[in-house]
């Protein structure tokens, strides 16, 4: 994303729209600009503002005259008066920024919108997580913080050393060159995104080791990490995971209970092989 300096009138309306704080006005030239390293290509500025097509020369002239008479001429705060925000044609590897930051763009690897698989958002009916298994969703980044794939790789490397199983239909997994080591493609490591989710599966017995490893690495990476963990209840509906989490010092909340009434629409490879 860029701002056309020939159109920009430095009204500043686009600054609060950017979730990464990547837009600023350069007082030396009187124009707004976007920091390409901090921009995650979420398109919030492009879609989040109404656009008028006023003459930039006219707007600048009126604003200059207004200052002389000590009054202001500013557009409404949700409007770019000269349509100065311009999307760029994204190429590899920068295009991954938009895939993980723009909720209206589906991932090529999954065909769905969002950062994880469809199953992690809906209902667990494919038996991907079986009895005795624990499923983790590890989320990186937040608006205003973001995440770089280099930090994500530090975590996936550590998880791979524990022998976890990466969900093969997850968008981050699709970018791995060596799933057994959790290694991502070298050319994307410095790309910054709004957020990403890594999905893994392991045994219930290994849950404490995974939590401790993530807690250790979270202190070393330049992003925010959130962790969700789930398992199947036993036949009586008991939450076998609760005791494990409490021993590790984590309060537990039953945030979601899947009853299994869903219809399998996308079979997991392990289910097909059964």
Foldseek 3Di string as FASTA:
>chain_A
DWFAQQQFQLLCLLQVQALQSQWDADVVSRGITGDVLRDLQQCSSVPQAAEAQDRSVVQNVVQVVCVVVPHGDHDPSRYRDRSGDDDDDDDPPSVVSNQARHQVDDDPLARHGHFFHPCVVDFPQQPPFPPQKKKKKKKWAARNQWFFQLLVQVLQQVVLVVVWAWQCSGRQNVQAPDNSRSHGDPRRRSRTHRMHITMIMDGLVCVLVSVVSCVVSCVVGRIHMDMDMAHDAPPVRDGPNQVVCVVSPHHDDCPDDHPNPDDDDDHDPVSVVD
